[in-house]
Amino acid sequence: MNKQQPSLTERKYLLPFVLITTLFFLWGFARAILDVLNKHFQNELNISIAQSAFIQVTTYLGYFIMAIPAGLFINRFGYRRGVVFGLLLFALGAFLFVPGAYHSTFEVFLAALFVLGCGLTFLETAANPYVTELGSEQTATSRLNLSQSFNGMGSIFATFSVGLFLFRGDSEGGNVAVPYVVLGIVVLIIALVFSRVQLPEIHPSVGEEQEGGGLHNLFLLFKKPMFVLGLAALLAYEVAEISINSYFINFVTGQGWMTDKVASMVLTAALAFFMIGRFGGSWVMRRVSAQRVLLVCAVGCVVSMCMVLLNAGSLSLIGLLVNYFFEAIMFPTIFSLALKDLGVLTKSASSVLMMTPVGGCGFLLMGLIADGGNPVLPFVLPLAGFAVVLAYAWKVNRARR
């Protein structure tokens, strides 16, 4: 007789699961806009690729600085208040684009993105581990992949709508503050909803190690080898994924393959592959172990990056697009594997893992290499990142056979 598959979530957790999943759409939208902003600011402010990379540097520096404080805040005040506070910071950063657009000063835009990045850190530090707890441990990775699929939907909507708005062919580009003001209003409405609902707090089972202070928890975490390896793999993945997204439009336009507007549409198509990979991964992981799926996808990403580095025209473009499908499951899968069996340390571990988007600063290195005159060589950086993920996947497969 076949063993019945556990449900993705329990009925009592269905509403919290739906509400939390809406947040994944929001930060997917907010992060994907950055990939369009790079080329927009290069055009409007006459800055280099490396200079525009500070868009990623300041945003993801917010993750690095605020991840631990966000974890401490959520440990003390709970998931719901962490989400509400993160949404308020998110909205503040979005509204700061208004003075940035008025003064047309790159530094003001960077300050706004830093505040917005701090808000996103609170949201992701709360939402990612919370989703893994809303149901059976067996379906935690599948559940997080499903929620993260809506992150992909937000990314697609951002590159499509904002790309069309900012890249208008021969006419003047749209005001960059407009999409952020709209986003800020939506975020405030969602913050109001979360302030009115009760989210169940997930507590560790009886018998698990007792929670200590923040520094004590960090000390315990770094004594767990599989968590440390997961942290390294997640950082390597973020270096690769964010750098590719940020460089995409510059690369395909620099090769003379398409215009800025068409490039933003092709990036939208690439993110559609990404979303399909997330939904597909969520389904496959209900039948195949998460670590095995991660191993296959890591091999796929390494091969895809080698295809790009061949600099063989359409073959390189195919490799670049296919990579989006293979990388799709990596963040939620590594994240949930790294959190496995941590019990009361889960919130602290989540805050440490949410420092890894600082890997987006790696795009600065890609920009410096690209400004040196070789548009293909920068892909060595994401190749190295995916190689680290492959090593982690190999290790975790051997450890959990």
Protein backbone atom coordinates (compact mmCIF):
# COMPACT_ATOMS: atom_id res chain seq x y z
CA MET A 1 0.00 0.00 0.00
CA ASN A 2 1.37 3.44 -0.98
CA LYS A 3 2.26 5.76 1.81
CA GLN A 4 0.07 8.88 1.70
CA GLN A 5 1.93 12.10 0.92
CA PRO A 6 1.62 14.71 3.71
CA SER A 7 -0.34 17.82 2.78
CA LEU A 8 1.57 20.96 1.86
CA THR A 9 0.14 22.82 4.87
CA GLU A 10 -2.52 22.29 7.55
CA ARG A 11 -5.96 23.88 7.44
CA LYS A 12 -5.27 25.96 10.58
CA TYR A 13 -2.23 27.46 8.83
CA LEU A 14 -3.86 28.12 5.45
CA LEU A 15 -4.67 31.83 6.00
CA PRO A 16 -1.22 32.66 7.48
CA PHE A 17 0.39 30.76 4.59
CA VAL A 18 -1.56 32.77 2.00
CA LEU A 19 -0.85 36.11 3.71
CA ILE A 20 2.85 35.45 4.13
CA THR A 21 3.13 34.30 0.51
CA THR A 22 1.92 37.74 -0.67
CA LEU A 23 5.13 39.16 0.81
CA PHE A 24 7.22 37.01 -1.53
CA PHE A 25 5.58 38.74 -4.50
CA LEU A 26 6.41 42.14 -3.01
CA TRP A 27 10.10 41.64 -2.49
CA GLY A 28 10.43 39.84 -5.83
CA PHE A 29 9.03 43.00 -7.43
CA ALA A 30 11.27 45.31 -5.40
CA ARG A 31 14.47 43.38 -6.12
CA ALA A 32 13.75 42.91 -9.84
CA ILE A 33 13.29 46.65 -10.36
CA LEU A 34 16.98 47.04 -9.54
CA ASP A 35 17.94 45.09 -12.65
CA VAL A 36 16.10 47.66 -14.79
CA LEU A 37 17.35 50.64 -12.77
CA ASN A 38 20.98 49.81 -13.54
CA LYS A 39 20.59 50.46 -17.26
CA HIS A 40 18.13 53.34 -16.69
CA PHE A 41 20.56 55.27 -14.48
CA GLN A 42 23.43 54.57 -16.89
CA ASN A 43 21.34 56.21 -19.63
CA GLU A 44 19.92 59.09 -17.59
CA LEU A 45 22.88 59.97 -15.36
CA ASN A 46 25.72 58.98 -17.75
CA ILE A 47 27.41 56.61 -15.30
CA SER A 48 29.40 53.42 -15.95
CA ILE A 49 28.30 49.84 -15.25
CA ALA A 50 30.52 49.75 -12.15
CA GLN A 51 29.04 53.02 -10.86
CA SER A 52 25.48 51.78 -11.41
CA ALA A 53 26.42 48.64 -9.44
CA PHE A 54 26.18 50.76 -6.28
CA ILE A 55 22.41 50.33 -6.67
CA GLN A 56 22.93 46.69 -5.72
CA VAL A 57 25.69 47.45 -3.23
CA THR A 58 23.61 49.87 -1.13
CA THR A 59 20.43 47.77 -1.28
CA TYR A 60 22.09 44.51 -0.31
CA LEU A 61 24.32 46.21 2.24
CA GLY A 62 21.04 46.86 4.06
CA TYR A 63 20.57 43.08 4.26
CA PHE A 64 24.04 42.58 5.71
CA ILE A 65 23.69 45.34 8.34
CA MET A 66 20.09 44.66 9.36
CA ALA A 67 19.84 40.85 9.21
CA ILE A 68 21.05 40.20 12.78
CA PRO A 69 19.03 43.11 14.31
CA ALA A 70 15.99 41.84 12.37
CA GLY A 71 16.47 38.37 13.83
CA LEU A 72 16.77 39.77 17.36
CA PHE A 73 13.65 41.90 16.83
CA ILE A 74 11.64 38.91 15.57
CA ASN A 75 12.93 36.71 18.40
CA ARG A 76 11.62 39.25 20.91
CA PHE A 77 8.43 40.57 19.30
CA GLY A 78 7.36 37.74 16.98
CA TYR A 79 6.84 37.19 13.28
CA ARG A 80 3.82 39.49 12.81
CA ARG A 81 5.44 42.59 14.29
CA GLY A 82 8.60 41.83 12.34
CA VAL A 83 6.56 41.79 9.14
CA VAL A 84 4.72 45.04 9.94
CA PHE A 85 7.93 46.87 10.86
CA GLY A 86 9.59 45.61 7.67
CA LEU A 87 6.65 46.80 5.56
CA LEU A 88 6.84 50.28 7.11
CA LEU A 89 10.57 50.54 6.34
CA PHE A 90 9.86 49.25 2.83
CA ALA A 91 7.25 51.98 2.27
CA LEU A 92 9.54 54.69 3.66
CA GLY A 93 12.32 53.69 1.26
CA ALA A 94 9.87 53.71 -1.66
CA PHE A 95 8.57 57.21 -0.84
CA LEU A 96 12.14 58.54 -0.56
CA PHE A 97 12.35 58.16 -4.33
CA VAL A 98 10.24 61.32 -4.60
CA PRO A 99 12.98 63.70 -3.34
CA GLY A 100 15.51 61.61 -5.30
CA ALA A 101 13.61 62.21 -8.55
CA TYR A 102 13.08 65.90 -7.70
CA HIS A 103 16.80 66.54 -7.17
CA SER A 104 17.96 63.93 -9.76
CA THR A 105 20.75 63.00 -7.36
CA PHE A 106 22.16 59.47 -7.48
CA GLU A 107 23.13 59.60 -3.79
CA VAL A 108 19.53 60.26 -2.69
CA PHE A 109 18.35 57.27 -4.73
CA LEU A 110 21.03 55.15 -3.06
CA ALA A 111 19.89 56.27 0.41
CA ALA A 112 16.29 55.36 -0.49
CA LEU A 113 17.38 51.93 -1.70
CA PHE A 114 19.34 51.33 1.51
CA VAL A 115 16.22 52.01 3.63
CA LEU A 116 14.15 49.83 1.32
CA GLY A 117 16.74 47.04 1.62
CA CYS A 118 16.52 47.22 5.42
CA GLY A 119 12.75 46.77 5.18
CA LEU A 120 13.12 43.80 2.85
CA THR A 121 15.53 42.23 5.33
CA PHE A 122 12.86 42.22 8.05
CA LEU A 123 10.31 40.72 5.66
CA GLU A 124 12.57 37.94 4.41
CA THR A 125 13.99 37.15 7.86
CA ALA A 126 10.43 36.65 9.14
CA ALA A 127 8.74 35.05 6.13
CA ASN A 128 11.26 32.42 4.98
CA PRO A 129 11.54 30.43 8.24
CA TYR A 130 7.87 31.02 9.06
CA VAL A 131 6.74 29.28 5.86
CA THR A 132 8.93 26.25 6.65
CA GLU A 133 7.09 25.87 9.98
CA LEU A 134 3.51 26.09 8.61
CA GLY A 135 3.01 22.35 8.16
CA SER A 136 4.84 19.04 8.05
CA GLU A 137 8.65 19.05 8.19
CA GLN A 138 8.61 16.64 5.21
CA THR A 139 7.02 19.27 2.97
CA ALA A 140 8.93 22.30 4.33
CA THR A 141 11.23 22.65 1.32
CA SER A 142 8.37 22.12 -1.15
CA ARG A 143 6.24 24.68 0.74
CA LEU A 144 9.00 27.30 0.69
CA ASN A 145 9.60 26.71 -3.02
CA LEU A 146 5.88 27.28 -3.67
CA SER A 147 5.91 30.58 -1.74
CA GLN A 148 9.14 31.60 -3.46
CA SER A 149 7.42 30.98 -6.82
CA PHE A 150 5.39 34.12 -6.15
CA ASN A 151 8.69 35.91 -5.73
CA GLY A 152 9.27 34.98 -9.38
CA MET A 153 5.86 36.34 -10.35
CA GLY A 154 6.74 39.66 -8.71
CA SER A 155 10.03 39.76 -10.60
CA ILE A 156 8.29 39.13 -13.94
CA PHE A 157 5.74 41.86 -13.31
CA ALA A 158 8.48 44.32 -12.28
CA THR A 159 10.77 43.88 -15.29
CA PHE A 160 7.82 43.92 -17.72
CA SER A 161 5.89 46.91 -16.36
CA VAL A 162 8.78 49.05 -15.14
CA GLY A 163 10.87 48.18 -18.21
CA LEU A 164 8.09 49.40 -20.52
CA PHE A 165 7.65 52.51 -18.36
CA LEU A 166 11.34 53.53 -18.19
CA PHE A 167 12.47 52.45 -21.67
CA ARG A 168 10.16 54.25 -24.08
CA GLY A 169 12.18 54.10 -27.25
CA ASP A 170 12.90 57.56 -28.64
CA SER A 171 10.71 59.40 -26.13
CA GLU A 172 11.83 60.53 -22.70
CA GLY A 173 11.90 57.80 -20.06
CA GLY A 174 9.29 57.74 -17.31
CA ASN A 175 9.80 59.28 -13.88
CA VAL A 176 11.49 56.59 -11.78
CA ALA A 177 9.62 57.78 -8.65
CA VAL A 178 6.20 56.77 -10.05
CA PRO A 179 6.49 52.96 -9.70
CA TYR A 180 8.00 53.38 -6.24
CA VAL A 181 5.21 55.65 -5.02
CA VAL A 182 2.62 53.15 -6.25
CA LEU A 183 4.57 50.35 -4.57
CA GLY A 184 4.79 52.33 -1.32
CA ILE A 185 1.00 52.84 -1.21
CA VAL A 186 0.37 49.12 -1.81
CA VAL A 187 2.87 48.20 0.91
CA LEU A 188 1.17 50.50 3.45
CA ILE A 189 -2.19 48.84 2.73
CA ILE A 190 -0.64 45.40 3.26
CA ALA A 191 0.99 46.62 6.49
CA LEU A 192 -2.47 47.68 7.72
CA VAL A 193 -3.83 44.19 6.95
CA PHE A 194 -1.00 42.49 8.84
CA SER A 195 -1.46 44.83 11.81
CA ARG A 196 -5.08 43.64 12.09
CA VAL A 197 -4.62 39.88 11.79
CA GLN A 198 -3.22 37.38 14.24
CA LEU A 199 -0.45 35.12 12.97
CA PRO A 200 0.17 32.01 15.08
CA GLU A 201 3.63 32.01 16.60
CA ILE A 202 5.52 28.74 16.06
CA HIS A 203 7.23 27.46 19.16
CA PRO A 204 9.82 24.66 19.36
CA SER A 205 8.77 21.25 20.59
CA VAL A 206 9.24 20.26 24.22
CA GLY A 207 12.68 18.83 24.76
CA GLU A 208 14.53 21.00 22.29
CA GLU A 209 17.50 23.01 23.56
CA GLN A 210 16.53 26.18 25.37
CA GLU A 211 16.94 29.56 23.73
CA GLY A 212 19.74 31.76 24.93
CA GLY A 213 20.73 35.30 24.09
CA GLY A 214 21.45 36.44 20.56
CA LEU A 215 25.23 36.00 20.79
CA HIS A 216 24.82 32.63 22.50
CA ASN A 217 22.57 31.44 19.68
CA LEU A 218 25.10 32.57 17.07
CA PHE A 219 27.85 30.68 18.92
CA LEU A 220 25.71 27.51 18.88
CA LEU A 221 24.89 27.93 15.18
CA PHE A 222 28.50 28.17 14.10
CA LYS A 223 29.20 24.90 15.90
CA LYS A 224 26.85 23.15 13.44
CA PRO A 225 28.90 22.21 10.32
CA MET A 226 25.94 21.64 7.98
CA PHE A 227 24.53 25.07 8.82
CA VAL A 228 27.89 26.73 8.12
CA LEU A 229 28.16 24.91 4.78
CA GLY A 230 24.60 25.94 3.92
CA LEU A 231 25.44 29.55 4.77
CA ALA A 232 28.46 29.47 2.44
CA ALA A 233 26.42 27.90 -0.36
CA LEU A 234 23.62 30.46 0.01
CA LEU A 235 26.10 33.34 -0.12
CA ALA A 236 27.71 31.86 -3.25
CA TYR A 237 24.28 31.47 -4.85
CA GLU A 238 23.35 35.09 -4.12
CA VAL A 239 26.61 36.30 -5.67
CA ALA A 240 25.79 34.34 -8.84
CA GLU A 241 22.03 34.99 -9.13
CA ILE A 242 22.01 38.71 -8.33
CA SER A 243 25.07 39.41 -10.48
CA ILE A 244 23.52 37.68 -13.51
CA ASN A 245 20.21 39.54 -13.13
CA SER A 246 21.95 42.88 -12.71
CA TYR A 247 24.27 42.37 -15.68
CA PHE A 248 21.67 40.81 -18.02
CA ILE A 249 20.50 43.95 -19.86
CA ASN A 250 24.01 45.38 -20.10
CA PHE A 251 25.32 42.10 -21.53
CA VAL A 252 22.71 41.43 -24.22
CA THR A 253 22.64 45.08 -25.36
CA GLY A 254 26.45 45.31 -25.29
CA GLN A 255 26.62 42.26 -27.56
CA GLY A 256 24.40 44.13 -30.02
CA TRP A 257 21.67 41.51 -29.81
CA MET A 258 18.81 43.86 -28.81
CA THR A 259 17.76 47.31 -27.55
CA ASP A 260 17.22 48.25 -23.89
CA LYS A 261 13.45 47.87 -24.23
CA VAL A 262 13.66 44.46 -25.90
CA ALA A 263 16.29 43.37 -23.37
CA SER A 264 13.93 44.15 -20.48
CA MET A 265 11.26 42.00 -22.19
CA VAL A 266 13.73 39.14 -22.70
CA LEU A 267 14.72 39.43 -19.03
CA THR A 268 11.01 39.09 -18.24
CA ALA A 269 10.94 35.88 -20.29
CA ALA A 270 14.02 34.63 -18.42
CA LEU A 271 12.28 35.30 -15.11
CA ALA A 272 9.28 33.34 -16.43
CA PHE A 273 11.64 30.36 -16.84
CA PHE A 274 12.73 31.05 -13.27
CA MET A 275 9.13 30.99 -12.00
CA ILE A 276 8.37 27.77 -13.91
CA GLY A 277 11.45 26.25 -12.29
CA ARG A 278 10.20 27.27 -8.84
CA PHE A 279 6.69 25.85 -9.34
CA GLY A 280 8.11 22.71 -10.95
CA GLY A 281 10.65 22.30 -8.17
CA SER A 282 7.95 22.56 -5.51
CA TRP A 283 6.05 19.73 -7.24
CA VAL A 284 9.10 17.52 -7.85
CA MET A 285 10.32 17.86 -4.25
CA ARG A 286 7.17 16.22 -2.97
CA ARG A 287 8.44 13.07 -4.68
CA VAL A 288 12.24 13.45 -4.86
CA SER A 289 14.55 14.53 -2.04
CA ALA A 290 15.39 18.24 -1.99
CA GLN A 291 19.13 17.61 -1.86
CA ARG A 292 19.00 15.42 -4.98
CA VAL A 293 17.07 18.06 -6.93
CA LEU A 294 19.59 20.68 -5.77
CA LEU A 295 22.49 18.54 -7.05
CA VAL A 296 20.95 18.16 -10.53
CA CYS A 297 20.17 21.88 -10.77
CA ALA A 298 23.67 22.86 -9.63
CA VAL A 299 25.16 20.77 -12.44
CA GLY A 300 22.74 22.46 -14.86
CA CYS A 301 23.85 25.94 -13.74
CA VAL A 302 27.55 25.16 -14.05
CA VAL A 303 27.02 23.81 -17.58
CA SER A 304 24.89 26.87 -18.48
CA MET A 305 27.58 29.30 -17.36
CA CYS A 306 30.20 27.40 -19.37
CA MET A 307 27.96 27.82 -22.42
CA VAL A 308 27.83 31.59 -21.81
CA LEU A 309 31.62 31.79 -21.45
CA LEU A 310 32.09 30.09 -24.83
CA ASN A 311 31.00 33.44 -26.34
CA ALA A 312 29.26 31.57 -29.17
CA GLY A 313 26.39 33.96 -29.99
CA SER A 314 23.01 32.23 -29.80
CA LEU A 315 24.49 29.31 -27.83
CA SER A 316 25.63 31.72 -25.12
CA LEU A 317 22.19 33.35 -25.02
CA ILE A 318 20.53 29.93 -24.68
CA GLY A 319 22.89 29.08 -21.81
CA LEU A 320 22.06 32.36 -20.09
CA LEU A 321 18.29 31.77 -20.37
CA VAL A 322 18.40 28.08 -19.40
CA ASN A 323 20.37 28.98 -16.27
CA TYR A 324 17.28 30.75 -14.91
CA PHE A 325 15.35 27.47 -14.92
CA PHE A 326 18.07 25.55 -13.07
CA GLU A 327 18.86 28.23 -10.46
CA ALA A 328 15.20 28.74 -9.53
CA ILE A 329 15.00 26.25 -6.67
CA MET A 330 18.37 27.07 -5.13
CA PHE A 331 17.60 29.81 -2.62
CA PRO A 332 14.57 28.21 -0.91
CA THR A 333 16.11 24.74 -1.07
CA ILE A 334 19.47 25.71 0.45
CA PHE A 335 17.65 27.92 2.98
CA SER A 336 15.35 25.15 4.21
CA LEU A 337 18.13 22.52 4.24
CA ALA A 338 20.32 24.86 6.30
CA LEU A 339 17.48 25.37 8.82
CA LYS A 340 16.77 21.65 9.19
CA ASP A 341 16.71 20.38 12.79
CA LEU A 342 17.74 23.73 14.33
CA GLY A 343 14.68 24.00 16.59
CA VAL A 344 14.75 27.09 18.80
CA LEU A 345 17.75 28.40 16.86
CA THR A 346 15.65 28.73 13.69
CA LYS A 347 14.91 32.48 14.01
CA SER A 348 18.55 33.30 14.74
CA ALA A 349 19.71 31.06 11.88
CA SER A 350 17.28 32.77 9.52
CA SER A 351 18.70 36.19 10.38
CA VAL A 352 22.23 34.96 9.64
CA LEU A 353 21.13 33.41 6.34
CA MET A 354 19.43 36.67 5.39
CA MET A 355 22.83 38.39 5.45
CA THR A 356 23.72 36.47 2.29
CA PRO A 357 22.05 38.85 -0.23
CA VAL A 358 25.11 41.03 0.44
CA GLY A 359 26.48 38.76 -2.27
CA GLY A 360 24.70 41.15 -4.65
CA CYS A 361 27.67 43.46 -4.11
CA GLY A 362 29.53 41.00 -6.33
CA PHE A 363 27.95 42.79 -9.27
CA LEU A 364 30.40 45.62 -8.62
CA LEU A 365 33.22 43.23 -9.54
CA MET A 366 31.36 42.15 -12.67
CA GLY A 367 30.91 45.81 -13.59
CA LEU A 368 34.60 46.56 -13.14
CA ILE A 369 35.54 43.59 -15.36
CA ALA A 370 32.97 44.61 -18.00
CA ASP A 371 34.15 48.23 -18.00
CA GLY A 372 37.60 46.82 -18.76
CA GLY A 373 36.36 45.89 -22.22
CA ASN A 374 35.53 42.16 -22.05
CA PRO A 375 31.72 41.69 -21.78
CA VAL A 376 31.84 37.87 -21.40
CA LEU A 377 34.62 37.42 -18.81
CA PRO A 378 32.43 38.71 -15.89
CA PHE A 379 30.47 35.44 -16.01
CA VAL A 380 33.45 33.72 -14.37
CA LEU A 381 32.08 35.11 -11.07
CA PRO A 382 28.66 33.38 -11.21
CA LEU A 383 30.36 30.22 -12.50
CA ALA A 384 32.45 30.15 -9.32
CA GLY A 385 29.33 30.75 -7.22
CA PHE A 386 27.43 27.85 -8.77
CA ALA A 387 30.50 25.63 -8.35
CA VAL A 388 30.31 26.26 -4.58
CA VAL A 389 26.60 25.36 -4.61
CA LEU A 390 27.45 22.16 -6.50
CA ALA A 391 30.03 21.23 -3.84
CA TYR A 392 27.45 21.85 -1.09
CA ALA A 393 24.80 19.79 -2.89
CA TRP A 394 27.27 16.92 -3.26
CA LYS A 395 28.15 17.10 0.44
CA VAL A 396 24.55 17.26 1.70
CA ASN A 397 23.58 14.32 -0.54
CA ARG A 398 26.33 12.19 0.96
CA ALA A 399 25.43 13.28 4.51
CA ARG A 400 21.68 12.52 4.20
CA ARG A 401 21.60 9.27 2.30
